[in-house]
C-alpha atoms as a PDB file:
ATOM      1  CA  UNK A   1      -0.100  -0.034   0.025  1.00  0.00           C
ATOM      2  CA  UNK A   2       1.133   3.469  -0.756  1.00  0.00           C
ATOM      3  CA  UNK A   3       1.793   5.802   2.258  1.00  0.00           C
ATOM      4  CA  UNK A   4      -0.923   8.287   2.593  1.00  0.00           C
ATOM      5  CA  UNK A   5      -0.825  11.899   4.082  1.00  0.00           C
ATOM      6  CA  UNK A   6      -3.506  14.324   4.753  1.00  0.00           C
ATOM      7  CA  UNK A   7      -1.419  17.045   3.218  1.00  0.00           C
ATOM      8  CA  UNK A   8       1.639  16.869   0.985  1.00  0.00           C
ATOM      9  CA  UNK A   9       3.659  20.096   0.469  1.00  0.00           C
ATOM     10  CA  UNK A  10       5.903  20.064  -2.568  1.00  0.00           C
ATOM     11  CA  UNK A  11       8.863  22.603  -1.975  1.00  0.00           C
ATOM     12  CA  UNK A  12      10.547  23.678   1.135  1.00  0.00           C
ATOM     13  CA  UNK A  13      11.028  27.321   0.299  1.00  0.00           C
ATOM     14  CA  UNK A  14       9.493  30.202   2.197  1.00  0.00           C
ATOM     15  CA  UNK A  15       5.863  29.326   0.927  1.00  0.00           C
ATOM     16  CA  UNK A  16       5.993  25.599   1.719  1.00  0.00           C
ATOM     17  CA  UNK A  17       7.762  26.022   5.135  1.00  0.00           C
ATOM     18  CA  UNK A  18       5.333  28.789   6.164  1.00  0.00           C
ATOM     19  CA  UNK A  19       2.419  26.526   5.153  1.00  0.00           C
ATOM     20  CA  UNK A  20       3.842  23.636   7.198  1.00  0.00           C
ATOM     21  CA  UNK A  21       4.161  25.808  10.240  1.00  0.00           C
ATOM     22  CA  UNK A  22       0.315  26.509  10.196  1.00  0.00           C
ATOM     23  CA  UNK A  23      -0.293  22.715  10.023  1.00  0.00           C
ATOM     24  CA  UNK A  24       2.191  21.682  12.750  1.00  0.00           C
ATOM     25  CA  UNK A  25       0.802  20.076  15.990  1.00  0.00           C
ATOM     26  CA  UNK A  26      -2.665  19.507  14.350  1.00  0.00           C
ATOM     27  CA  UNK A  27      -4.453  16.206  13.661  1.00  0.00           C
ATOM     28  CA  UNK A  28      -3.291  16.323  10.042  1.00  0.00           C
ATOM     29  CA  UNK A  29      -0.454  14.112   8.712  1.00  0.00           C
ATOM     30  CA  UNK A  30       1.814  16.248   6.605  1.00  0.00           C
ATOM     31  CA  UNK A  31       4.617  15.372   4.264  1.00  0.00           C
ATOM     32  CA  UNK A  32       7.099  18.179   3.219  1.00  0.00           C
ATOM     33  CA  UNK A  33       8.994  17.326   0.098  1.00  0.00           C
ATOM     34  CA  UNK A  34      12.110  19.128  -1.380  1.00  0.00           C
ATOM     35  CA  UNK A  35      14.297  18.107  -4.195  1.00  0.00           C
ATOM     36  CA  UNK A  36      17.503  19.255  -2.442  1.00  0.00           C
ATOM     37  CA  UNK A  37      19.170  17.302   0.377  1.00  0.00           C
ATOM     38  CA  UNK A  38      20.423  20.452   2.021  1.00  0.00           C
ATOM     39  CA  UNK A  39      19.176  24.113   2.060  1.00  0.00           C
ATOM     40  CA  UNK A  40      20.921  25.970  -0.799  1.00  0.00           C
ATOM     41  CA  UNK A  41      21.124  29.624  -1.820  1.00  0.00           C
ATOM     42  CA  UNK A  42      18.567  30.211  -4.595  1.00  0.00           C
ATOM     43  CA  UNK A  43      18.720  32.932  -7.392  1.00  0.00           C
ATOM     44  CA  UNK A  44      17.367  36.007  -5.479  1.00  0.00           C
ATOM     45  CA  UNK A  45      18.192  39.507  -4.567  1.00  0.00           C
ATOM     46  CA  UNK A  46      17.497  38.646  -0.847  1.00  0.00           C
ATOM     47  CA  UNK A  47      15.195  41.436   0.034  1.00  0.00           C
ATOM     48  CA  UNK A  48      12.825  41.031   2.934  1.00  0.00           C
ATOM     49  CA  UNK A  49      10.294  43.876   3.339  1.00  0.00           C
ATOM     50  CA  UNK A  50       8.033  44.572   6.313  1.00  0.00           C
ATOM     51  CA  UNK A  51       5.285  42.496   4.585  1.00  0.00           C
ATOM     52  CA  UNK A  52       7.149  39.448   5.544  1.00  0.00           C
ATOM     53  CA  UNK A  53       6.816  39.734   9.279  1.00  0.00           C
ATOM     54  CA  UNK A  54       9.505  37.563  10.941  1.00  0.00           C
ATOM     55  CA  UNK A  55      10.830  40.176  13.494  1.00  0.00           C
ATOM     56  CA  UNK A  56      12.698  37.446  15.265  1.00  0.00           C
ATOM     57  CA  UNK A  57      14.846  36.630  12.363  1.00  0.00           C
ATOM     58  CA  UNK A  58      18.330  38.129  12.894  1.00  0.00           C
ATOM     59  CA  UNK A  59      20.931  35.658  11.595  1.00  0.00           C
ATOM     60  CA  UNK A  60      22.160  36.266   8.144  1.00  0.00           C
ATOM     61  CA  UNK A  61      20.370  39.735   7.912  1.00  0.00           C
ATOM     62  CA  UNK A  62      21.194  43.428   7.540  1.00  0.00           C
ATOM     63  CA  UNK A  63      18.734  46.127   8.439  1.00  0.00           C
ATOM     64  CA  UNK A  64      18.010  49.316   6.499  1.00  0.00           C
ATOM     65  CA  UNK A  65      15.571  51.966   7.576  1.00  0.00           C
ATOM     66  CA  UNK A  66      15.664  53.778   4.314  1.00  0.00           C
ATOM     67  CA  UNK A  67      15.781  52.780   0.638  1.00  0.00           C
ATOM     68  CA  UNK A  68      16.651  54.792  -2.437  1.00  0.00           C
ATOM     69  CA  UNK A  69      14.804  54.613  -5.742  1.00  0.00           C
ATOM     70  CA  UNK A  70      16.520  56.131  -8.616  1.00  0.00           C
ATOM     71  CA  UNK A  71      14.480  57.098 -11.690  1.00  0.00           C
ATOM     72  CA  UNK A  72      17.280  57.877 -14.294  1.00  0.00           C
ATOM     73  CA  UNK A  73      19.444  60.387 -12.316  1.00  0.00           C
ATOM     74  CA  UNK A  74      16.706  61.380  -9.816  1.00  0.00           C
ATOM     75  CA  UNK A  75      16.840  59.990  -6.358  1.00  0.00           C
ATOM     76  CA  UNK A  76      13.761  59.342  -4.266  1.00  0.00           C
ATOM     77  CA  UNK A  77      14.153  58.155  -0.568  1.00  0.00           C
ATOM     78  CA  UNK A  78      11.751  56.019   1.144  1.00  0.00           C
ATOM     79  CA  UNK A  79      11.697  55.325   4.941  1.00  0.00           C
ATOM     80  CA  UNK A  80       9.885  52.473   6.541  1.00  0.00           C
ATOM     81  CA  UNK A  81       8.436  51.947  10.042  1.00  0.00           C
ATOM     82  CA  UNK A  82      10.073  48.580  10.149  1.00  0.00           C
ATOM     83  CA  UNK A  83      13.522  48.299   8.598  1.00  0.00           C
ATOM     84  CA  UNK A  84      13.846  46.486   5.325  1.00  0.00           C
ATOM     85  CA  UNK A  85      16.322  43.601   5.506  1.00  0.00           C
ATOM     86  CA  UNK A  86      18.541  41.621   3.252  1.00  0.00           C
ATOM     87  CA  UNK A  87      18.802  38.033   4.162  1.00  0.00           C
ATOM     88  CA  UNK A  88      20.606  34.896   3.160  1.00  0.00           C
ATOM     89  CA  UNK A  89      18.187  32.418   1.644  1.00  0.00           C
ATOM     90  CA  UNK A  90      19.976  29.674   3.440  1.00  0.00           C
ATOM     91  CA  UNK A  91      19.580  31.524   6.748  1.00  0.00           C
ATOM     92  CA  UNK A  92      15.891  32.210   6.062  1.00  0.00           C
ATOM     93  CA  UNK A  93      15.173  28.544   5.225  1.00  0.00           C
ATOM     94  CA  UNK A  94      16.941  27.336   8.261  1.00  0.00           C
ATOM     95  CA  UNK A  95      15.020  29.847  10.426  1.00  0.00           C
ATOM     96  CA  UNK A  96      11.718  28.692   9.030  1.00  0.00           C
ATOM     97  CA  UNK A  97      12.607  24.963   9.270  1.00  0.00           C
ATOM     98  CA  UNK A  98      13.488  25.509  12.835  1.00  0.00           C
ATOM     99  CA  UNK A  99       9.986  26.457  13.633  1.00  0.00           C
ATOM    100  CA  UNK A 100       8.642  23.137  12.563  1.00  0.00           C
ATOM    101  CA  UNK A 101      11.669  20.959  13.670  1.00  0.00           C
ATOM    102  CA  UNK A 102       9.868  19.397  16.644  1.00  0.00           C
ATOM    103  CA  UNK A 103       6.339  18.906  15.013  1.00  0.00           C
ATOM    104  CA  UNK A 104       5.483  15.205  15.393  1.00  0.00           C
ATOM    105  CA  UNK A 105       2.876  15.334  12.598  1.00  0.00           C
ATOM    106  CA  UNK A 106       5.336  16.629   9.857  1.00  0.00           C
ATOM    107  CA  UNK A 107       7.701  14.342   7.887  1.00  0.00           C
ATOM    108  CA  UNK A 108      10.302  16.194   6.004  1.00  0.00           C
ATOM    109  CA  UNK A 109      11.664  14.261   3.119  1.00  0.00           C
ATOM    110  CA  UNK A 110      14.741  15.773   1.372  1.00  0.00           C
ATOM    111  CA  UNK A 111      16.198  14.938  -1.957  1.00  0.00           C
ATOM    112  CA  UNK A 112      12.776  14.002  -3.324  1.00  0.00           C
ATOM    113  CA  UNK A 113      12.189  15.514  -6.689  1.00  0.00           C
ATOM    114  CA  UNK A 114       8.689  15.798  -7.717  1.00  0.00           C
ATOM    115  CA  UNK A 115       8.189  13.932 -11.039  1.00  0.00           C
ATOM    116  CA  UNK A 116       4.413  13.801 -11.610  1.00  0.00           C
ATOM    117  CA  UNK A 117       1.042  14.339 -10.041  1.00  0.00           C
ATOM    118  CA  UNK A 118      -1.417  11.546 -10.923  1.00  0.00           C
ATOM    119  CA  UNK A 119      -4.755  11.715  -9.381  1.00  0.00           C
ATOM    120  CA  UNK A 120      -4.275  11.737  -5.671  1.00  0.00           C
ATOM    121  CA  UNK A 121      -0.730  10.614  -5.943  1.00  0.00           C
ATOM    122  CA  UNK A 122       2.624  12.444  -6.202  1.00  0.00           C
ATOM    123  CA  UNK A 123       5.431  10.541  -7.865  1.00  0.00           C
ATOM    124  CA  UNK A 124       8.871  11.533  -6.635  1.00  0.00           C
ATOM    125  CA  UNK A 125      12.416  10.211  -7.021  1.00  0.00           C
ATOM    126  CA  UNK A 126      12.043   8.742  -3.533  1.00  0.00           C
ATOM    127  CA  UNK A 127       8.705   7.037  -3.843  1.00  0.00           C
ATOM    128  CA  UNK A 128       4.950   7.533  -4.486  1.00  0.00           C
ATOM    129  CA  UNK A 129       2.725   9.040  -1.917  1.00  0.00           C
ATOM    130  CA  UNK A 130      -0.944   9.632  -1.704  1.00  0.00           C
ATOM    131  CA  UNK A 131      -2.463  12.941  -0.581  1.00  0.00           C
ATOM    132  CA  UNK A 132      -5.761  14.345   0.704  1.00  0.00           C
ATOM    133  CA  UNK A 133      -4.507  17.881  -0.263  1.00  0.00           C
ATOM    134  CA  UNK A 134      -1.462  18.865  -2.204  1.00  0.00           C
ATOM    135  CA  UNK A 135       0.201  22.271  -1.937  1.00  0.00           C
ATOM    136  CA  UNK A 136       2.456  23.254  -4.808  1.00  0.00           C
ATOM    137  CA  UNK A 137       5.158  25.445  -3.394  1.00  0.00           C
ATOM    138  CA  UNK A 138       7.779  24.267  -5.910  1.00  0.00           C
ATOM    139  CA  UNK A 139       9.068  27.570  -7.394  1.00  0.00           C
ATOM    140  CA  UNK A 140       8.664  29.536 -10.575  1.00  0.00           C
ATOM    141  CA  UNK A 141       8.912  26.468 -12.872  1.00  0.00           C
ATOM    142  CA  UNK A 142       6.517  24.422 -10.634  1.00  0.00           C
ATOM    143  CA  UNK A 143       5.913  20.937 -11.797  1.00  0.00           C
ATOM    144  CA  UNK A 144       2.498  21.049  -9.794  1.00  0.00           C
ATOM    145  CA  UNK A 145       1.444  24.025 -11.818  1.00  0.00           C
ATOM    146  CA  UNK A 146       2.478  22.400 -14.992  1.00  0.00           C
ATOM    147  CA  UNK A 147       0.497  19.238 -14.251  1.00  0.00           C
ATOM    148  CA  UNK A 148      -2.551  21.499 -13.701  1.00  0.00           C
ATOM    149  CA  UNK A 149      -2.061  22.839 -17.196  1.00  0.00           C
ATOM    150  CA  UNK A 150      -1.727  26.451 -16.035  1.00  0.00           C
ATOM    151  CA  UNK A 151       0.212  29.070 -18.117  1.00  0.00           C
ATOM    152  CA  UNK A 152       3.405  30.773 -17.027  1.00  0.00           C
ATOM    153  CA  UNK A 153       4.515  34.324 -17.560  1.00  0.00           C
ATOM    154  CA  UNK A 154       8.179  34.752 -16.693  1.00  0.00           C
ATOM    155  CA  UNK A 155      10.255  37.753 -15.905  1.00  0.00           C
ATOM    156  CA  UNK A 156      14.050  37.216 -15.585  1.00  0.00           C
ATOM    157  CA  UNK A 157      16.648  38.246 -13.068  1.00  0.00           C
ATOM    158  CA  UNK A 158      20.357  38.201 -13.415  1.00  0.00           C
ATOM    159  CA  UNK A 159      22.781  39.191 -10.724  1.00  0.00           C
ATOM    160  CA  UNK A 160      26.293  38.639  -9.263  1.00  0.00           C
ATOM    161  CA  UNK A 161      27.640  38.737  -5.752  1.00  0.00           C
ATOM    162  CA  UNK A 162      30.255  41.410  -5.550  1.00  0.00           C
ATOM    163  CA  UNK A 163      32.728  41.473  -2.675  1.00  0.00           C
ATOM    164  CA  UNK A 164      32.060  45.079  -1.738  1.00  0.00           C
ATOM    165  CA  UNK A 165      30.408  46.970   1.056  1.00  0.00           C
ATOM    166  CA  UNK A 166      27.448  49.296   0.892  1.00  0.00           C
ATOM    167  CA  UNK A 167      25.062  51.010   3.427  1.00  0.00           C
ATOM    168  CA  UNK A 168      22.050  51.640   1.312  1.00  0.00           C
ATOM    169  CA  UNK A 169      19.547  49.375  -0.580  1.00  0.00           C
ATOM    170  CA  UNK A 170      18.843  51.029  -4.033  1.00  0.00           C
ATOM    171  CA  UNK A 171      16.667  50.206  -6.935  1.00  0.00           C
ATOM    172  CA  UNK A 172      17.348  51.873 -10.187  1.00  0.00           C
ATOM    173  CA  UNK A 173      14.620  52.421 -13.031  1.00  0.00           C
ATOM    174  CA  UNK A 174      15.693  53.497 -16.531  1.00  0.00           C
ATOM    175  CA  UNK A 175      12.492  53.262 -18.558  1.00  0.00           C
ATOM    176  CA  UNK A 176      14.065  54.263 -21.836  1.00  0.00           C
ATOM    177  CA  UNK A 177      16.398  51.276 -21.936  1.00  0.00           C
ATOM    178  CA  UNK A 178      14.686  48.567 -19.766  1.00  0.00           C
ATOM    179  CA  UNK A 179      11.030  49.774 -19.779  1.00  0.00           C
ATOM    180  CA  UNK A 180       9.560  48.582 -16.425  1.00  0.00           C
ATOM    181  CA  UNK A 181      12.575  46.639 -15.550  1.00  0.00           C
ATOM    182  CA  UNK A 182      14.985  47.618 -12.924  1.00  0.00           C
ATOM    183  CA  UNK A 183      18.559  47.404 -11.632  1.00  0.00           C
ATOM    184  CA  UNK A 184      19.385  46.938  -7.939  1.00  0.00           C
ATOM    185  CA  UNK A 185      22.112  46.932  -5.313  1.00  0.00           C
ATOM    186  CA  UNK A 186      21.203  44.888  -2.226  1.00  0.00           C
ATOM    187  CA  UNK A 187      24.014  44.932   0.531  1.00  0.00           C
ATOM    188  CA  UNK A 188      24.329  41.708   2.362  1.00  0.00           C
ATOM    189  CA  UNK A 189      26.799  40.888   5.232  1.00  0.00           C
ATOM    190  CA  UNK A 190      29.403  39.313   2.913  1.00  0.00           C
ATOM    191  CA  UNK A 191      28.661  40.837  -0.541  1.00  0.00           C
ATOM    192  CA  UNK A 192      26.815  43.309  -2.623  1.00  0.00           C
ATOM    193  CA  UNK A 193      24.090  41.579  -4.566  1.00  0.00           C
ATOM    194  CA  UNK A 194      23.803  43.555  -7.745  1.00  0.00           C
ATOM    195  CA  UNK A 195      21.520  42.759 -10.700  1.00  0.00           C
ATOM    196  CA  UNK A 196      18.772  43.402 -13.209  1.00  0.00           C
ATOM    197  CA  UNK A 197      15.240  42.241 -13.510  1.00  0.00           C
ATOM    198  CA  UNK A 198      13.561  42.429 -16.908  1.00  0.00           C
ATOM    199  CA  UNK A 199      10.871  41.150 -19.168  1.00  0.00           C
ATOM    200  CA  UNK A 200      12.369  38.920 -21.780  1.00  0.00           C
ATOM    201  CA  UNK A 201       9.733  39.733 -24.273  1.00  0.00           C
ATOM    202  CA  UNK A 202      10.817  43.364 -24.246  1.00  0.00           C
ATOM    203  CA  UNK A 203      14.664  42.977 -23.458  1.00  0.00           C
ATOM    204  CA  UNK A 204      16.796  40.124 -24.784  1.00  0.00           C
ATOM    205  CA  UNK A 205      19.170  38.527 -22.233  1.00  0.00           C
ATOM    206  CA  UNK A 206      22.386  39.601 -24.081  1.00  0.00           C
ATOM    207  CA  UNK A 207      21.243  43.231 -23.843  1.00  0.00           C
ATOM    208  CA  UNK A 208      20.459  42.811 -20.231  1.00  0.00           C
ATOM    209  CA  UNK A 209      23.770  41.485 -19.441  1.00  0.00           C
ATOM    210  CA  UNK A 210      25.355  44.586 -21.165  1.00  0.00           C
ATOM    211  CA  UNK A 211      23.211  46.948 -19.291  1.00  0.00           C
ATOM    212  CA  UNK A 212      24.100  45.269 -16.051  1.00  0.00           C
ATOM    213  CA  UNK A 213      27.832  45.428 -16.853  1.00  0.00           C
ATOM    214  CA  UNK A 214      27.572  49.070 -17.543  1.00  0.00           C
ATOM    215  CA  UNK A 215      25.679  49.738 -14.329  1.00  0.00           C
ATOM    216  CA  UNK A 216      28.325  47.892 -12.397  1.00  0.00           C
ATOM    217  CA  UNK A 217      31.030  50.086 -13.854  1.00  0.00           C
ATOM    218  CA  UNK A 218      29.028  53.163 -13.333  1.00  0.00           C
ATOM    219  CA  UNK A 219      28.743  52.329  -9.614  1.00  0.00           C
ATOM    220  CA  UNK A 220      32.583  51.949  -9.442  1.00  0.00           C
ATOM    221  CA  UNK A 221      32.310  48.252  -8.818  1.00  0.00           C
ATOM    222  CA  UNK A 222      34.263  45.428 -10.276  1.00  0.00           C
ATOM    223  CA  UNK A 223      32.674  42.010 -11.132  1.00  0.00           C
ATOM    224  CA  UNK A 224      35.334  40.675 -13.511  1.00  0.00           C
ATOM    225  CA  UNK A 225      35.624  36.880 -13.138  1.00  0.00           C
ATOM    226  CA  UNK A 226      32.524  36.630 -10.852  1.00  0.00           C
ATOM    227  CA  UNK A 227      29.815  34.095 -11.771  1.00  0.00           C
ATOM    228  CA  UNK A 228      26.573  35.649 -13.113  1.00  0.00           C
ATOM    229  CA  UNK A 229      23.621  33.895 -11.615  1.00  0.00           C
ATOM    230  CA  UNK A 230      20.005  34.079 -12.649  1.00  0.00           C
ATOM    231  CA  UNK A 231      16.507  32.622 -12.572  1.00  0.00           C
ATOM    232  CA  UNK A 232      12.955  33.014 -13.723  1.00  0.00           C
ATOM    233  CA  UNK A 233      10.201  34.865 -11.740  1.00  0.00           C
ATOM    234  CA  UNK A 234       6.744  33.578 -12.460  1.00  0.00           C
ATOM    235  CA  UNK A 235       4.160  36.489 -12.026  1.00  0.00           C
ATOM    236  CA  UNK A 236       1.192  34.891 -13.747  1.00  0.00           C
ATOM    237  CA  UNK A 237      -1.341  34.478 -10.927  1.00  0.00           C
ATOM    238  CA  UNK A 238      -4.318  32.283 -11.961  1.00  0.00           C
ATOM    239  CA  UNK A 239      -5.764  31.334  -8.630  1.00  0.00           C
ATOM    240  CA  UNK A 240      -4.530  29.463  -5.482  1.00  0.00           C
ATOM    241  CA  UNK A 241      -6.985  26.465  -5.281  1.00  0.00           C
ATOM    242  CA  UNK A 242      -7.843  23.813  -7.830  1.00  0.00           C
ATOM    243  CA  UNK A 243      -9.943  21.214  -6.245  1.00  0.00           C
ATOM    244  CA  UNK A 244      -7.707  19.578  -3.594  1.00  0.00           C
ATOM    245  CA  UNK A 245      -4.597  21.115  -5.034  1.00  0.00           C
ATOM    246  CA  UNK A 246      -3.264  24.530  -3.863  1.00  0.00           C
ATOM    247  CA  UNK A 247      -0.525  26.817  -5.218  1.00  0.00           C
ATOM    248  CA  UNK A 248       1.677  29.051  -3.163  1.00  0.00           C
ATOM    249  CA  UNK A 249       4.499  31.444  -3.703  1.00  0.00           C
ATOM    250  CA  UNK A 250       6.200  31.521  -7.103  1.00  0.00           C
ATOM    251  CA  UNK A 251       4.342  28.376  -8.147  1.00  0.00           C
ATOM    252  CA  UNK A 252       1.112  30.476  -7.857  1.00  0.00           C
ATOM    253  CA  UNK A 253       2.566  33.445  -9.649  1.00  0.00           C
ATOM    254  CA  UNK A 254       2.820  35.366  -6.403  1.00  0.00           C
ATOM    255  CA  UNK A 255       5.619  37.680  -7.552  1.00  0.00           C
ATOM    256  CA  UNK A 256       5.246  41.414  -8.222  1.00  0.00           C
ATOM    257  CA  UNK A 257       6.501  41.933 -11.728  1.00  0.00           C
ATOM    258  CA  UNK A 258       7.335  45.635 -11.211  1.00  0.00           C
ATOM    259  CA  UNK A 259       9.296  45.217  -8.008  1.00  0.00           C
ATOM    260  CA  UNK A 260      10.486  41.541  -8.202  1.00  0.00           C
ATOM    261  CA  UNK A 261       9.334  41.066  -4.682  1.00  0.00           C
ATOM    262  CA  UNK A 262       8.669  37.505  -4.043  1.00  0.00           C
ATOM    263  CA  UNK A 263       9.688  36.316  -0.551  1.00  0.00           C
ATOM    264  CA  UNK A 264       7.096  38.343   1.368  1.00  0.00           C
ATOM    265  CA  UNK A 265       4.268  37.162  -1.091  1.00  0.00           C
ATOM    266  CA  UNK A 266       5.443  33.565  -0.774  1.00  0.00           C
ATOM    267  CA  UNK A 267       5.342  33.743   3.192  1.00  0.00           C
ATOM    268  CA  UNK A 268       1.846  35.282   3.100  1.00  0.00           C
ATOM    269  CA  UNK A 269       0.364  32.763   0.579  1.00  0.00           C
ATOM    270  CA  UNK A 270       1.878  29.793   2.373  1.00  0.00           C
ATOM    271  CA  UNK A 271       0.502  30.944   5.777  1.00  0.00           C
ATOM    272  CA  UNK A 272      -2.891  31.766   4.341  1.00  0.00           C
ATOM    273  CA  UNK A 273      -3.274  28.347   2.490  1.00  0.00           C
ATOM    274  CA  UNK A 274      -2.238  26.493   5.727  1.00  0.00           C
ATOM    275  CA  UNK A 275      -5.115  28.340   7.620  1.00  0.00           C
ATOM    276  CA  UNK A 276      -7.488  27.530   4.807  1.00  0.00           C
ATOM    277  CA  UNK A 277      -6.820  23.794   4.893  1.00  0.00           C
ATOM    278  CA  UNK A 278      -7.438  23.955   8.649  1.00  0.00           C
ATOM    279  CA  UNK A 279     -10.588  26.007   8.336  1.00  0.00           C
ATOM    280  CA  UNK A 280     -12.364  25.873   4.955  1.00  0.00           C
ATOM    281  CA  UNK A 281     -14.421  28.944   5.934  1.00  0.00           C
ATOM    282  CA  UNK A 282     -11.343  31.000   6.578  1.00  0.00           C
ATOM    283  CA  UNK A 283     -11.672  34.213   4.334  1.00  0.00           C
ATOM    284  CA  UNK A 284      -7.867  34.714   3.803  1.00  0.00           C
ATOM    285  CA  UNK A 285      -7.756  38.386   4.405  1.00  0.00           C
ATOM    286  CA  UNK A 286      -3.939  38.715   4.175  1.00  0.00           C
ATOM    287  CA  UNK A 287      -3.846  36.900   0.775  1.00  0.00           C
ATOM    288  CA  UNK A 288      -6.614  39.113  -0.663  1.00  0.00           C
ATOM    289  CA  UNK A 289      -4.667  42.291   0.468  1.00  0.00           C
ATOM    290  CA  UNK A 290      -1.435  41.022  -0.990  1.00  0.00           C
ATOM    291  CA  UNK A 291      -3.071  40.218  -4.222  1.00  0.00           C
ATOM    292  CA  UNK A 292      -4.700  43.716  -4.321  1.00  0.00           C
ATOM    293  CA  UNK A 293      -1.250  45.166  -3.807  1.00  0.00           C
ATOM    294  CA  UNK A 294       0.221  42.991  -6.548  1.00  0.00           C
ATOM    295  CA  UNK A 295      -2.460  43.891  -8.996  1.00  0.00           C
ATOM    296  CA  UNK A 296      -1.972  47.653  -8.390  1.00  0.00           C
ATOM    297  CA  UNK A 297       1.703  47.513  -8.702  1.00  0.00           C
ATOM    298  CA  UNK A 298       1.287  45.655 -11.977  1.00  0.00           C
ATOM    299  CA  UNK A 299      -1.097  48.257 -13.315  1.00  0.00           C
ATOM    300  CA  UNK A 300       1.588  50.890 -12.592  1.00  0.00           C
ATOM    301  CA  UNK A 301       4.196  48.814 -14.243  1.00  0.00           C
ATOM    302  CA  UNK A 302       2.012  48.195 -17.353  1.00  0.00           C
ATOM    303  CA  UNK A 303       1.534  51.923 -17.706  1.00  0.00           C
ATOM    304  CA  UNK A 304       5.194  52.314 -17.739  1.00  0.00           C
ATOM    305  CA  UNK A 305       5.564  49.626 -20.345  1.00  0.00           C
ATOM    306  CA  UNK A 306       3.113  51.666 -22.587  1.00  0.00           C
ATOM    307  CA  UNK A 307       4.372  55.212 -21.641  1.00  0.00           C
ATOM    308  CA  UNK A 308       8.004  55.049 -20.469  1.00  0.00           C
ATOM    309  CA  UNK A 309       8.581  58.714 -20.782  1.00  0.00           C
ATOM    310  CA  UNK A 310       5.390  60.005 -19.353  1.00  0.00           C
ATOM    311  CA  UNK A 311       4.821  60.696 -15.556  1.00  0.00           C
ATOM    312  CA  UNK A 312       7.334  58.067 -14.656  1.00  0.00           C
ATOM    313  CA  UNK A 313       8.347  59.639 -11.369  1.00  0.00           C
ATOM    314  CA  UNK A 314       4.659  59.855 -10.505  1.00  0.00           C
ATOM    315  CA  UNK A 315       3.994  56.231 -11.357  1.00  0.00           C
ATOM    316  CA  UNK A 316       6.867  54.823  -9.384  1.00  0.00           C
ATOM    317  CA  UNK A 317       6.088  56.971  -6.281  1.00  0.00           C
ATOM    318  CA  UNK A 318       2.510  55.603  -6.440  1.00  0.00           C
ATOM    319  CA  UNK A 319       3.878  51.981  -6.811  1.00  0.00           C
ATOM    320  CA  UNK A 320       6.038  52.282  -3.818  1.00  0.00           C
ATOM    321  CA  UNK A 321       3.571  54.230  -1.656  1.00  0.00           C
ATOM    322  CA  UNK A 322       1.077  51.399  -2.282  1.00  0.00           C
ATOM    323  CA  UNK A 323       3.475  49.027  -0.742  1.00  0.00           C
ATOM    324  CA  UNK A 324       3.968  50.985   2.436  1.00  0.00           C
ATOM    325  CA  UNK A 325       0.224  51.868   2.715  1.00  0.00           C
ATOM    326  CA  UNK A 326      -0.321  48.064   2.741  1.00  0.00           C
ATOM    327  CA  UNK A 327       2.365  47.583   5.332  1.00  0.00           C
ATOM    328  CA  UNK A 328       0.898  50.296   7.586  1.00  0.00           C
ATOM    329  CA  UNK A 329      -2.534  48.680   7.404  1.00  0.00           C
ATOM    330  CA  UNK A 330      -1.166  45.295   8.208  1.00  0.00           C
ATOM    331  CA  UNK A 331       0.909  46.498  11.088  1.00  0.00           C
ATOM    332  CA  UNK A 332      -2.093  48.268  12.514  1.00  0.00           C
ATOM    333  CA  UNK A 333      -3.959  44.952  12.937  1.00  0.00           C
ATOM    334  CA  UNK A 334      -1.096  43.277  14.736  1.00  0.00           C
END
């Protein structure tokens, strides 16, 4: 007989781990799967905004009370009530996994790559398991999403980790060359994560590499010989529930295309889906607000795609003020 679990969670990233946390110490049997045997750094700028919560997370982070947004040569400064952080993805995963380490009802199976979803079964490289409910939290190229036949819309991010220090998070918009794409500098404890996010339908990868190289030189940085990393960002949200299958995080398209923010949305969606599984009548207020924020940001971004030279400063100030309005509303309920 196949081993059966009430809930199988595919993917032990922020979305999968936060979902598992909601289900710990309940009457449900939970299997958490991940294709890797150890937590590894994933392609990511590593920004953690106040949307994420996690005030107790300190290891592997740096705190920044202000962030600078550059529109061409103009600088706009934003301050947040709670500091924005940069975080090591390994440190984040270890922190979230530590929250469920002693949960007797959760089995964590590492090195189990998801191969297929067939009916109420998940087929993995380490066996076949039956599920009552399945949570696809397996990233931007989600196999669970693919098995559901849902479309993907992907942005791309390229970055390198430069051995340099900086004291400011900065995001740089240059509409004339990268439309609603952006460049960034995110200081971490041991490096300066510097990269570019862009829509491959509007900017080809070789051009993006050239723009990033020029940007690095303009900033007085040196990246010669450093490995360029990258990965896709799925921003195509098509729903979170499909019968007994749920999608969370990047698998659900919970990435903001204009800002590239994904970790916070992944944490929110994972938590909310866990609560929904426990209580089918739960109204999911945090997920609804996060989706509203994502939609408004993407409307602003789409206007930039169409009118890159018109009211750019206004649109981006609106885009970021929407984020902080959401943060303030969320904090007021805590």
